[in-house]
Amino acid sequence: MTIARNKLVEKAQKDYEYLTGDAATRRLEELREKAIYDEYFAYERGKEKGEARGIEHGKIKTAIEMMN
């Protein structure tokens, strides 16, 4: 009886480690994916700001050239 109970406890413990390990792996993957999206959107936002500044700079340069 004790041997069967020990085997049952061992199996339950292995199942628990498998399931919690799997959940931890999924969580790490979710965090990694979020980091990738955050980096991408930060890059895109920076690119948009840079383009807007370039357009403003171009307008100012054109206005100065028109005054000369």
C-alpha atoms as a PDB file:
ATOM      1  CA  MET A   1       0.000   0.000   0.000  1.00  0.00           C
ATOM      2  CA  THR A   2       2.788   2.423   0.910  1.00  0.00           C
ATOM      3  CA  ILE A   3       4.643   1.720  -2.339  1.00  0.00           C
ATOM      4  CA  ALA A   4       1.515   2.419  -4.388  1.00  0.00           C
ATOM      5  CA  ARG A   5       0.888   5.620  -2.441  1.00  0.00           C
ATOM      6  CA  ASN A   6       4.505   6.777  -2.994  1.00  0.00           C
ATOM      7  CA  LYS A   7       4.194   6.108  -6.723  1.00  0.00           C
ATOM      8  CA  LEU A   8       0.938   8.046  -6.820  1.00  0.00           C
ATOM      9  CA  VAL A   9       2.539  10.987  -4.988  1.00  0.00           C
ATOM     10  CA  GLU A  10       5.542  10.881  -7.328  1.00  0.00           C
ATOM     11  CA  LYS A  11       3.266  10.889 -10.368  1.00  0.00           C
ATOM     12  CA  ALA A  12       1.237  13.774  -8.956  1.00  0.00           C
ATOM     13  CA  GLN A  13       4.432  15.710  -8.255  1.00  0.00           C
ATOM     14  CA  LYS A  14       5.755  15.083 -11.788  1.00  0.00           C
ATOM     15  CA  ASP A  15       2.409  16.162 -13.262  1.00  0.00           C
ATOM     16  CA  TYR A  16       2.448  19.305 -11.123  1.00  0.00           C
ATOM     17  CA  GLU A  17       5.999  20.187 -12.185  1.00  0.00           C
ATOM     18  CA  TYR A  18       5.095  19.585 -15.827  1.00  0.00           C
ATOM     19  CA  LEU A  19       2.002  21.770 -15.674  1.00  0.00           C
ATOM     20  CA  THR A  20       3.568  24.615 -13.695  1.00  0.00           C
ATOM     21  CA  GLY A  21       6.686  24.491 -15.828  1.00  0.00           C
ATOM     22  CA  ASP A  22       4.568  24.692 -18.929  1.00  0.00           C
ATOM     23  CA  ALA A  23       2.671  27.694 -17.569  1.00  0.00           C
ATOM     24  CA  ALA A  24       5.935  29.399 -16.689  1.00  0.00           C
ATOM     25  CA  THR A  25       7.223  28.775 -20.199  1.00  0.00           C
ATOM     26  CA  ARG A  26       4.054  30.245 -21.689  1.00  0.00           C
ATOM     27  CA  ARG A  27       4.375  33.319 -19.447  1.00  0.00           C
ATOM     28  CA  LEU A  28       7.981  33.855 -20.504  1.00  0.00           C
ATOM     29  CA  GLU A  29       6.953  33.584 -24.142  1.00  0.00           C
ATOM     30  CA  GLU A  30       4.146  36.109 -23.615  1.00  0.00           C
ATOM     31  CA  LEU A  31       6.589  38.546 -22.011  1.00  0.00           C
ATOM     32  CA  ARG A  32       9.075  38.044 -24.836  1.00  0.00           C
ATOM     33  CA  GLU A  33       6.376  38.673 -27.436  1.00  0.00           C
ATOM     34  CA  LYS A  34       5.245  41.821 -25.604  1.00  0.00           C
ATOM     35  CA  ALA A  35       8.826  43.113 -25.529  1.00  0.00           C
ATOM     36  CA  ILE A  36       9.115  42.580 -29.286  1.00  0.00           C
ATOM     37  CA  TYR A  37       5.855  44.465 -29.933  1.00  0.00           C
ATOM     38  CA  ASP A  38       6.854  47.277 -27.583  1.00  0.00           C
ATOM     39  CA  GLU A  39      10.203  47.679 -29.334  1.00  0.00           C
ATOM     40  CA  TYR A  40       8.552  47.652 -32.754  1.00  0.00           C
ATOM     41  CA  PHE A  41       5.965  50.270 -31.844  1.00  0.00           C
ATOM     42  CA  ALA A  42       8.586  52.466 -30.155  1.00  0.00           C
ATOM     43  CA  TYR A  43      10.641  52.300 -33.359  1.00  0.00           C
ATOM     44  CA  GLU A  44       7.628  53.144 -35.527  1.00  0.00           C
ATOM     45  CA  ARG A  45       6.673  56.064 -33.271  1.00  0.00           C
ATOM     46  CA  GLY A  46      10.217  57.401 -33.415  1.00  0.00           C
ATOM     47  CA  LYS A  47      10.209  57.071 -37.177  1.00  0.00           C
ATOM     48  CA  GLU A  48       6.948  59.035 -37.401  1.00  0.00           C
ATOM     49  CA  LYS A  49       8.349  61.797 -35.188  1.00  0.00           C
ATOM     50  CA  GLY A  50      11.520  61.927 -37.269  1.00  0.00           C
ATOM     51  CA  GLU A  51       9.530  62.206 -40.485  1.00  0.00           C
ATOM     52  CA  ALA A  52       7.391  64.994 -39.014  1.00  0.00           C
ATOM     53  CA  ARG A  53      10.513  66.905 -37.954  1.00  0.00           C
ATOM     54  CA  GLY A  54      11.999  66.406 -41.412  1.00  0.00           C
ATOM     55  CA  ILE A  55       8.877  67.836 -43.023  1.00  0.00           C
ATOM     56  CA  GLU A  56       8.945  70.838 -40.673  1.00  0.00           C
ATOM     57  CA  HIS A  57      12.623  71.369 -41.403  1.00  0.00           C
ATOM     58  CA  GLY A  58      11.885  71.206 -45.133  1.00  0.00           C
ATOM     59  CA  LYS A  59       9.133  73.816 -44.838  1.00  0.00           C
ATOM     60  CA  ILE A  60      11.389  76.173 -42.907  1.00  0.00           C
ATOM     61  CA  LYS A  61      14.228  75.703 -45.388  1.00  0.00           C
ATOM     62  CA  THR A  62      11.853  76.387 -48.309  1.00  0.00           C
ATOM     63  CA  ALA A  63      10.531  79.544 -46.611  1.00  0.00           C
ATOM     64  CA  ILE A  64      14.061  80.839 -46.026  1.00  0.00           C
ATOM     65  CA  GLU A  65      15.041  80.126 -49.605  1.00  0.00           C
ATOM     66  CA  MET A  66      11.931  81.956 -50.877  1.00  0.00           C
ATOM     67  CA  MET A  67      12.913  85.049 -48.846  1.00  0.00           C
ATOM     68  CA  ASN A  68      16.340  85.219 -50.516  1.00  0.00           C
END
